[in-house]
Protein backbone atom coordinates (compact mmCIF):
# COMPACT_ATOMS: atom_id res chain seq x y z
CA MET A 1 42.99 -64.93 -175.12
CA ARG A 2 41.58 -65.68 -171.83
CA ASN A 3 40.74 -61.89 -171.72
CA SER A 4 38.48 -61.87 -174.89
CA ALA A 5 37.00 -64.87 -173.84
CA THR A 6 36.04 -62.78 -170.33
CA LEU A 7 34.32 -60.16 -172.55
CA LEU A 8 32.97 -62.29 -174.94
CA SER A 9 31.08 -63.93 -171.84
CA LEU A 10 29.94 -60.28 -170.40
CA ILE A 11 28.18 -59.49 -173.85
CA THR A 12 26.29 -63.00 -173.79
CA ALA A 13 25.59 -62.53 -170.25
CA LEU A 14 23.79 -59.16 -170.23
CA VAL A 15 21.96 -60.35 -173.42
CA LEU A 16 20.55 -63.35 -171.40
CA TRP A 17 19.79 -60.99 -168.63
CA SER A 18 18.11 -57.97 -170.48
CA PRO A 19 15.97 -56.09 -167.72
CA SER A 20 13.04 -55.00 -168.27
CA ALA A 21 12.45 -51.23 -168.95
CA GLY A 22 13.70 -48.78 -166.91
CA GLU A 23 15.66 -51.33 -165.01
CA ALA A 24 19.78 -50.99 -164.78
CA GLN A 25 21.81 -54.50 -164.18
CA THR A 26 25.02 -55.13 -163.02
CA PRO A 27 26.84 -56.69 -165.31
CA LEU A 28 27.36 -60.58 -164.43
CA VAL A 29 31.18 -61.27 -163.83
CA ASP A 30 32.22 -65.09 -163.41
CA PRO A 31 35.87 -66.85 -163.79
CA GLY A 32 34.37 -69.16 -166.46
CA THR A 33 36.05 -72.31 -167.27
CA GLY A 34 39.23 -70.79 -166.30
CA PRO A 35 40.85 -69.82 -162.35
CA TRP A 36 39.57 -67.36 -159.97
CA ASP A 37 41.57 -64.63 -159.97
CA LEU A 38 41.90 -63.46 -156.29
CA ILE A 39 41.43 -59.51 -156.11
CA ALA A 40 44.97 -58.12 -154.30
CA GLU A 41 44.26 -57.09 -150.84
CA ALA A 42 44.37 -53.57 -151.52
CA GLN A 43 41.93 -53.72 -154.09
CA VAL A 44 39.20 -55.10 -151.69
CA GLN A 45 37.39 -52.52 -150.25
CA ASP A 46 37.01 -50.82 -153.74
CA VAL A 47 36.25 -54.12 -155.62
CA CYS A 48 34.67 -56.10 -153.02
CA ARG A 49 33.14 -53.56 -150.77
CA LEU A 50 34.07 -55.76 -147.86
CA ASP A 51 36.67 -54.63 -144.87
CA PRO A 52 39.84 -56.14 -145.69
CA GLU A 53 41.34 -55.82 -142.18
CA LEU A 54 38.22 -57.07 -140.40
CA LEU A 55 38.98 -60.51 -142.75
CA GLN A 56 42.53 -60.62 -141.88
CA GLN A 57 41.30 -60.64 -138.01
CA VAL A 58 38.78 -63.32 -138.50
CA VAL A 59 40.31 -66.34 -136.28
CA MET A 60 39.90 -69.49 -137.18
CA ARG A 61 40.86 -73.51 -136.20
CA GLN A 62 43.72 -75.30 -138.11
CA ASP A 63 40.92 -77.15 -140.32
CA GLN A 64 38.96 -74.48 -141.17
CA SER A 65 38.71 -72.58 -144.77
CA PHE A 66 36.64 -69.91 -146.29
CA ALA A 67 36.38 -67.88 -149.25
CA ILE A 68 34.16 -65.04 -149.80
CA VAL A 69 32.97 -64.29 -153.72
CA ARG A 70 31.11 -61.20 -153.85
CA TYR A 71 29.80 -59.25 -157.52
CA GLY A 72 31.28 -62.62 -158.89
CA ARG A 73 34.89 -61.56 -158.22
CA LEU A 74 37.17 -63.95 -155.80
CA CYS A 75 37.57 -61.31 -153.10
CA PHE A 76 39.35 -63.26 -149.99
CA VAL A 77 40.31 -66.97 -149.00
CA SER A 78 41.73 -67.77 -146.26
CA GLY A 79 42.32 -71.36 -144.29
CA GLU A 80 45.04 -74.19 -145.21
CA ASN A 81 45.22 -75.76 -148.51
CA ALA A 82 41.95 -73.47 -149.05
CA SER A 83 42.08 -72.67 -152.70
CA ASP A 84 44.11 -75.57 -154.48
CA GLY A 85 44.31 -79.09 -154.76
CA PRO A 86 45.35 -80.89 -151.86
CA GLY A 87 42.36 -78.57 -150.39
CA VAL A 88 39.95 -81.27 -151.80
CA SER A 89 37.42 -83.27 -149.26
CA HIS A 90 34.43 -84.72 -148.69
CA LEU A 91 31.44 -82.39 -148.82
CA PHE A 92 28.87 -84.96 -147.80
CA SER A 93 25.00 -83.49 -148.08
CA ALA A 94 26.14 -80.12 -150.02
CA THR A 95 26.52 -83.26 -152.59
CA LYS A 96 22.77 -82.61 -152.93
CA THR A 97 22.34 -79.19 -153.73
CA LEU A 98 24.74 -80.21 -156.51
CA GLY A 99 22.37 -83.25 -157.57
CA ALA A 100 19.81 -80.71 -157.86
CA ILE A 101 21.67 -77.92 -159.82
CA LEU A 102 22.47 -81.17 -162.40
CA THR A 103 18.47 -82.18 -162.46
CA GLY A 104 17.67 -78.68 -163.33
CA ALA A 105 20.21 -78.91 -166.50
CA VAL A 106 18.96 -81.97 -167.37
CA MET A 107 15.55 -80.22 -167.73
CA TYR A 108 16.79 -76.93 -169.95
CA GLN A 109 18.68 -79.47 -171.99
CA THR A 110 15.64 -81.60 -172.67
CA ARG A 111 13.01 -78.23 -172.58
CA ASN A 112 12.80 -78.50 -176.56
CA LEU A 113 11.74 -82.25 -176.91
CA GLU A 114 7.98 -83.37 -177.80
CA PRO A 115 6.04 -83.57 -174.67
CA SER A 116 4.89 -86.65 -174.46
CA SER A 117 2.24 -87.98 -171.80
CA ALA A 118 4.01 -91.40 -173.01
CA PRO A 119 6.34 -93.67 -170.31
CA MET A 120 10.29 -92.86 -170.74
CA THR A 121 9.72 -89.63 -173.97
CA GLY A 122 9.61 -86.23 -173.88
CA PRO A 123 11.28 -83.34 -171.51
CA LEU A 124 11.87 -83.85 -167.84
CA LEU A 125 9.51 -81.61 -165.94
CA GLU A 126 8.84 -80.35 -162.08
CA TRP A 127 5.58 -81.96 -162.32
CA ASP A 128 6.65 -85.09 -164.50
CA ARG A 129 5.31 -88.11 -162.20
CA MET A 130 7.94 -89.74 -161.11
CA ASP A 131 6.51 -93.33 -163.08
CA LYS A 132 6.78 -91.82 -165.76
CA TRP A 133 10.57 -92.62 -165.77
CA LEU A 134 10.97 -95.44 -163.43
CA ASP A 135 9.01 -98.69 -162.49
CA LEU A 136 8.07 -97.58 -159.03
CA THR A 137 7.32 -101.58 -158.32
CA ALA A 138 10.71 -102.23 -158.82
CA LEU A 139 12.94 -99.80 -156.67
CA PRO A 140 15.73 -101.09 -154.58
CA PRO A 141 14.68 -102.53 -151.03
CA ARG A 142 15.40 -99.75 -149.11
CA ALA A 143 13.56 -97.16 -151.63
CA GLN A 144 10.40 -95.54 -150.68
CA ILE A 145 8.31 -93.28 -153.48
CA ASN A 146 4.56 -92.60 -152.72
CA PRO A 147 3.29 -94.29 -156.60
CA ASP A 148 1.21 -90.48 -157.10
CA ALA A 149 5.08 -88.50 -156.37
CA THR A 150 6.26 -86.15 -158.82
CA VAL A 151 9.87 -85.07 -159.49
CA ALA A 152 9.30 -82.06 -157.55
CA HIS A 153 8.19 -83.92 -154.93
CA VAL A 154 11.27 -86.08 -154.27
CA LEU A 155 13.48 -82.89 -155.06
CA ALA A 156 11.60 -81.32 -151.66
CA MET A 157 12.10 -84.88 -149.87
CA VAL A 158 8.36 -85.55 -149.69
CA GLY A 159 8.18 -88.03 -152.37
CA TYR A 160 7.85 -90.82 -149.49
CA SER A 161 4.58 -89.39 -147.72
CA GLU A 162 2.08 -91.87 -147.64
CA ASP A 163 -0.62 -88.91 -148.30
CA LEU A 164 0.04 -86.27 -150.68
CA SER A 165 -2.34 -84.06 -150.56
CA TYR A 166 -1.88 -80.52 -148.87
CA GLY A 167 -1.54 -80.68 -145.36
CA GLN A 168 -0.71 -83.89 -145.14
CA LYS A 169 2.72 -84.62 -146.43
CA THR A 170 5.97 -85.08 -144.42
CA HIS A 171 9.61 -83.86 -144.67
CA GLN A 172 12.51 -85.98 -143.18
CA TYR A 173 15.75 -85.68 -144.16
CA ASP A 174 17.04 -87.80 -146.74
CA GLY A 175 20.80 -88.44 -145.38
CA ASN A 176 22.27 -90.58 -147.59
CA GLY A 177 19.58 -90.54 -150.24
CA SER A 178 18.82 -94.19 -150.46
CA ARG A 179 15.20 -93.47 -149.55
CA GLU A 180 14.14 -91.47 -152.16
CA ILE A 181 16.98 -89.03 -153.93
CA ASN A 182 19.09 -91.35 -155.34
CA GLN A 183 16.18 -92.66 -157.34
CA LEU A 184 16.54 -89.13 -159.02
CA ILE A 185 19.84 -91.07 -160.63
CA PRO A 186 17.99 -93.62 -162.78
CA VAL A 187 15.42 -91.08 -163.63
CA ILE A 188 18.46 -88.79 -165.56
CA ASP A 189 19.87 -92.12 -167.41
CA ASN A 190 16.42 -92.74 -168.55
CA VAL A 191 16.02 -89.12 -169.92
CA VAL A 192 19.07 -89.08 -171.23
CA LYS A 193 18.68 -92.20 -173.36
CA GLN A 194 16.34 -90.43 -176.12
CA ASP A 195 19.32 -88.51 -177.11
CA PRO A 196 22.92 -89.75 -175.94
CA ARG A 197 25.02 -88.22 -178.62
CA ARG A 198 23.32 -84.62 -177.32
CA LEU A 199 22.56 -85.16 -173.75
CA GLY A 200 25.25 -87.52 -172.45
CA ALA A 201 25.16 -91.08 -171.93
CA ASN A 202 23.95 -91.64 -168.56
CA ALA A 203 23.80 -89.41 -165.46
CA VAL A 204 27.70 -89.39 -164.81
CA ALA A 205 27.91 -88.03 -168.60
CA VAL A 206 25.76 -85.13 -167.86
CA LYS A 207 27.71 -84.71 -164.98
CA ASP A 208 31.00 -84.72 -166.86
CA ARG A 209 29.78 -81.70 -169.03
CA LEU A 210 28.48 -79.80 -166.32
CA PHE A 211 31.65 -79.92 -164.47
CA ALA A 212 33.38 -78.74 -167.72
CA ARG A 213 31.00 -75.96 -168.19
CA LEU A 214 31.36 -74.88 -164.21
CA GLY A 215 34.91 -74.92 -164.63
CA PHE A 216 35.35 -77.35 -162.10
CA GLU A 217 39.23 -78.01 -161.34
CA HIS A 218 39.29 -80.21 -157.95
CA SER A 219 36.14 -82.25 -157.54
CA THR A 220 34.80 -85.61 -157.93
CA TRP A 221 31.39 -87.05 -157.81
CA ASN A 222 30.72 -90.47 -159.39
CA VAL A 223 26.83 -89.75 -159.20
CA ARG A 224 26.51 -93.01 -157.27
CA SER A 225 24.10 -91.34 -154.55
CA TYR A 226 22.41 -87.45 -154.56
CA GLY A 227 23.00 -87.70 -150.92
CA ILE A 228 26.64 -87.60 -149.81
CA SER A 229 29.64 -88.26 -152.15
CA TRP A 230 30.83 -85.02 -153.50
CA TYR A 231 34.58 -84.54 -153.23
CA GLY A 232 35.78 -81.34 -153.79
CA SER A 233 37.99 -77.45 -152.92
CA LEU A 234 36.59 -74.81 -151.17
CA LEU A 235 36.83 -72.74 -154.82
CA ASP A 236 34.90 -75.39 -156.93
CA MET A 237 32.38 -75.12 -154.27
CA ALA A 238 32.14 -71.20 -155.32
CA ARG A 239 31.58 -72.11 -158.67
CA LEU A 240 28.53 -74.07 -157.79
CA GLY A 241 27.46 -71.01 -155.20
CA GLN A 242 27.84 -68.69 -158.30
CA VAL A 243 25.28 -70.55 -160.94
CA ILE A 244 22.90 -70.23 -158.22
CA LEU A 245 23.12 -66.74 -157.67
CA ARG A 246 22.57 -66.09 -160.52
CA GLY A 247 20.06 -67.90 -161.65
CA GLY A 248 21.31 -70.78 -163.22
CA VAL A 249 23.72 -68.56 -165.89
CA TYR A 250 27.07 -68.98 -165.73
CA ASN A 251 30.19 -67.98 -168.34
CA GLY A 252 27.47 -66.29 -170.36
CA GLU A 253 25.38 -69.28 -170.99
CA ARG A 254 22.09 -70.73 -168.94
CA LEU A 255 22.77 -73.90 -167.70
CA VAL A 256 19.46 -74.42 -165.81
CA ASP A 257 16.18 -72.71 -166.60
CA SER A 258 15.44 -69.18 -163.77
CA GLN A 259 12.08 -70.09 -162.40
CA TYR A 260 13.39 -73.76 -161.48
CA VAL A 261 16.35 -72.07 -159.38
CA TYR A 262 13.89 -69.97 -158.00
CA ASN A 263 11.94 -72.90 -156.84
CA MET A 264 15.15 -74.57 -155.69
CA THR A 265 15.93 -71.76 -153.73
CA HIS A 266 12.37 -71.10 -151.63
CA PRO A 267 10.39 -73.72 -149.77
CA ALA A 268 8.77 -76.27 -151.97
CA PHE A 269 6.26 -77.88 -149.91
CA GLU A 270 5.61 -76.13 -147.03
CA ASP A 271 2.86 -78.10 -145.11
CA GLY A 272 6.59 -80.49 -145.29
CA SER A 273 8.75 -78.31 -144.10
CA THR A 274 9.43 -74.18 -144.83
CA ARG A 275 12.77 -74.85 -144.60
CA TYR A 276 13.44 -76.72 -147.54
CA GLY A 277 13.31 -76.43 -151.31
CA TYR A 278 15.24 -78.50 -154.24
CA LEU A 279 17.67 -80.26 -152.39
CA THR A 280 19.01 -77.10 -150.80
CA TRP A 281 18.08 -75.40 -147.01
CA MET A 282 16.61 -72.19 -146.52
CA ASN A 283 17.23 -69.90 -143.99
CA GLY A 284 15.80 -70.99 -140.65
CA GLY A 285 15.40 -67.57 -139.56
CA THR A 286 19.20 -66.87 -137.62
CA SER A 287 20.09 -63.39 -137.42
CA CYS A 288 20.84 -61.12 -139.92
CA GLN A 289 19.57 -63.05 -143.00
CA PRO A 290 16.19 -62.85 -144.96
CA ARG A 291 13.93 -65.91 -144.72
CA ALA A 292 13.48 -67.24 -148.32
CA ILE A 293 9.76 -66.33 -148.83
CA HIS A 294 7.50 -66.69 -152.35
CA ALA A 295 6.43 -63.43 -154.38
CA SER A 296 3.56 -64.62 -153.70
CA TYR A 297 0.91 -66.99 -152.31
CA PRO A 298 -0.14 -70.07 -153.93
CA HIS A 299 3.12 -69.95 -155.52
CA GLY A 300 2.43 -73.24 -158.18
CA ILE A 301 4.43 -75.48 -156.12
CA SER A 302 2.27 -76.53 -153.00
CA GLU A 303 -0.58 -75.16 -152.46
CA SER A 304 0.12 -72.83 -149.17
CA SER A 305 -1.89 -69.53 -148.71
CA ASP A 306 0.90 -67.99 -147.41
CA CYS A 307 4.30 -68.63 -145.62
CA ALA A 308 3.01 -70.97 -143.00
CA ASP A 309 6.02 -69.85 -140.90
CA GLY A 310 4.93 -66.33 -139.18
CA ASP A 311 5.28 -62.87 -140.93
CA CYS A 312 5.25 -63.15 -144.87
CA ASP A 313 5.83 -59.55 -145.65
CA GLN A 314 9.04 -58.98 -147.40
CA GLU A 315 9.97 -55.76 -149.67
CA ASN A 316 12.81 -57.56 -151.82
CA ASP A 317 12.48 -61.63 -152.42
CA VAL A 318 16.10 -62.04 -151.01
CA GLY A 319 16.06 -65.24 -148.91
CA VAL A 320 19.40 -66.62 -148.02
CA TRP A 321 19.81 -70.55 -149.09
CA ASN A 322 22.47 -72.78 -147.84
CA ALA A 323 24.27 -76.32 -149.58
CA ILE A 324 24.86 -78.04 -145.90
CA GLY A 325 27.63 -81.15 -145.23
CA ALA A 326 28.27 -82.88 -142.15
CA GLY A 327 31.12 -81.67 -140.25
CA GLY A 328 30.55 -78.41 -141.66
CA GLN A 329 30.89 -77.81 -145.35
CA TYR A 330 28.87 -74.50 -146.56
CA ILE A 331 27.67 -72.70 -149.43
CA VAL A 332 25.60 -70.27 -148.68
CA GLY A 333 23.88 -67.60 -151.16
CA HIS A 334 23.25 -64.53 -150.46
CA ARG A 335 21.27 -62.49 -153.58
CA GLY A 336 20.70 -59.23 -152.35
CA LEU A 337 24.38 -58.69 -151.13
CA ASP A 338 25.80 -60.66 -154.26
CA ILE A 339 27.53 -62.90 -152.33
CA VAL A 340 28.39 -66.41 -152.28
CA VAL A 341 30.21 -67.67 -149.01
CA VAL A 342 31.86 -70.75 -148.67
CA GLY A 343 33.36 -72.38 -145.97
CA LYS A 344 34.65 -75.88 -144.62
CA ASN A 345 34.63 -77.35 -141.41
CA TRP A 346 32.29 -73.99 -139.82
CA ASP A 347 29.71 -74.29 -136.73
CA GLY A 348 25.93 -73.63 -137.12
CA ASN A 349 25.84 -69.80 -138.10
CA ALA A 350 29.96 -68.92 -137.29
CA LEU A 351 30.89 -68.62 -140.92
CA TRP A 352 28.32 -65.71 -141.70
CA GLU A 353 29.14 -64.34 -138.11
CA ALA A 354 32.63 -64.23 -139.49
CA VAL A 355 31.97 -62.70 -142.55
CA LEU A 356 29.62 -60.11 -141.77
CA PRO A 357 31.59 -57.62 -140.16
CA SER A 358 33.73 -56.74 -143.29
CA VAL A 359 30.75 -56.46 -145.10
CA VAL A 360 28.75 -53.98 -142.59
CA ALA A 361 31.63 -51.80 -142.43
CA ALA A 362 32.49 -50.97 -145.85
CA ASP A 363 28.64 -50.41 -146.64
CA PRO A 364 28.05 -47.29 -147.85
CA GLU A 365 24.52 -46.93 -146.19
CA PHE A 366 24.91 -48.08 -142.42
CA MET A 367 28.92 -47.38 -142.20
CA GLY A 368 29.88 -50.37 -139.80
CA ASP A 369 26.11 -50.20 -137.82
CA GLN A 370 25.63 -53.66 -137.17
CA GLU A 371 22.85 -53.69 -135.32
CA ALA A 372 20.59 -51.01 -137.43
CA PHE A 373 22.14 -53.58 -140.70
CA CYS A 374 21.09 -56.64 -139.35
CA GLU A 375 17.31 -54.97 -138.85
CA ALA A 376 16.91 -53.44 -142.37
CA TYR A 377 18.36 -56.79 -144.21
CA SER A 378 17.16 -59.41 -142.08
CA LYS A 379 13.71 -57.91 -142.80
CA GLY A 380 14.05 -58.18 -146.68
CA GLU A 381 14.29 -54.16 -146.54
CA TYR A 382 17.73 -53.72 -147.87
CA ALA A 383 18.58 -55.34 -150.74
CA PRO A 384 21.49 -52.89 -152.49
CA ASP A 385 23.16 -55.52 -155.08
CA LEU A 386 20.05 -57.43 -156.04
CA ILE A 387 20.20 -58.62 -159.96
CA LYS A 388 16.95 -59.65 -161.07
CA TRP A 389 16.71 -63.06 -163.05
CA GLU A 390 15.33 -63.81 -166.26
CA GLY A 391 11.28 -63.59 -166.18
CA GLY A 392 11.32 -61.16 -163.32
CA LEU A 393 11.92 -63.15 -160.90
């Protein structure tokens, strides 16, 4: 039965992701709503293009764990209680990226509502003013949102700026969400009230539906905060990473618009921060990871004429993005390599550094030459597994 469902999922995904003429796309794979099936160690090299021996040699502290998903397959899991219920823990600010996907899912679900300029009416859009959905004069005491702020401004954590004109925005991390991003929760509440039977009664109901579609097995989130409060397992983290890596498609179903996911995983307002998209971090120039740079400028979110962060040239649009929680909770997406790496209790760039040798050793072009691989990959020149998203993104 599961095989039939998987086949249907793959066929549907191929239809959703039909490439433009002359392009070849790899069939999309994910576990759907069923459990992950771990690739046997003897098949890791062939199926996942990873060196299993080097992965087995990774040295970790007892409290650390990590998993690698490549080509939509669970290739490797390591660490105490890494893959089951007892491995559930607080993911802290990785919750923010989950919140970004929840917001994008509501936008996609309401896309066919009649457009309206009236308050509390119509589809939820990135460029909606916050005051269309909220009374900004009645915010909680700690909340701070510019009267002209849009949903996009808040998702990018610049909505509190005194001046939202280009060159004047400021970005300061909204750690627990109380300054601005938690106000996206009542926004969702007000949006779905238009059709609670179809959309859900409130943000909690919308979250429950999203969790079901992603097949989350060991996760809880009370949706009282966009900043923190997601408790989850390593493999549920991987499911979230996979829907982002696929541009909003999971289990053969589009959950979030591809343009929204693109905006989410690229710098939103360069004059505020070149390292932050929609509740998601971008690679900050660390070794052997390409920076997130828009395909063209100005890119439609900000008015920036370039990437505002050094060399803006790139051959492939494959910047690395991260969901990061306190204490080293990571979901890392490498679109050019079709890899999601998730880890708990890692320090800085150590997670990617632990996985990288196995990637390079099995790479058919560089065959273990890590220096040459990193030079090409970090510049965006090498993206052997790039899968285009809907809309040519």
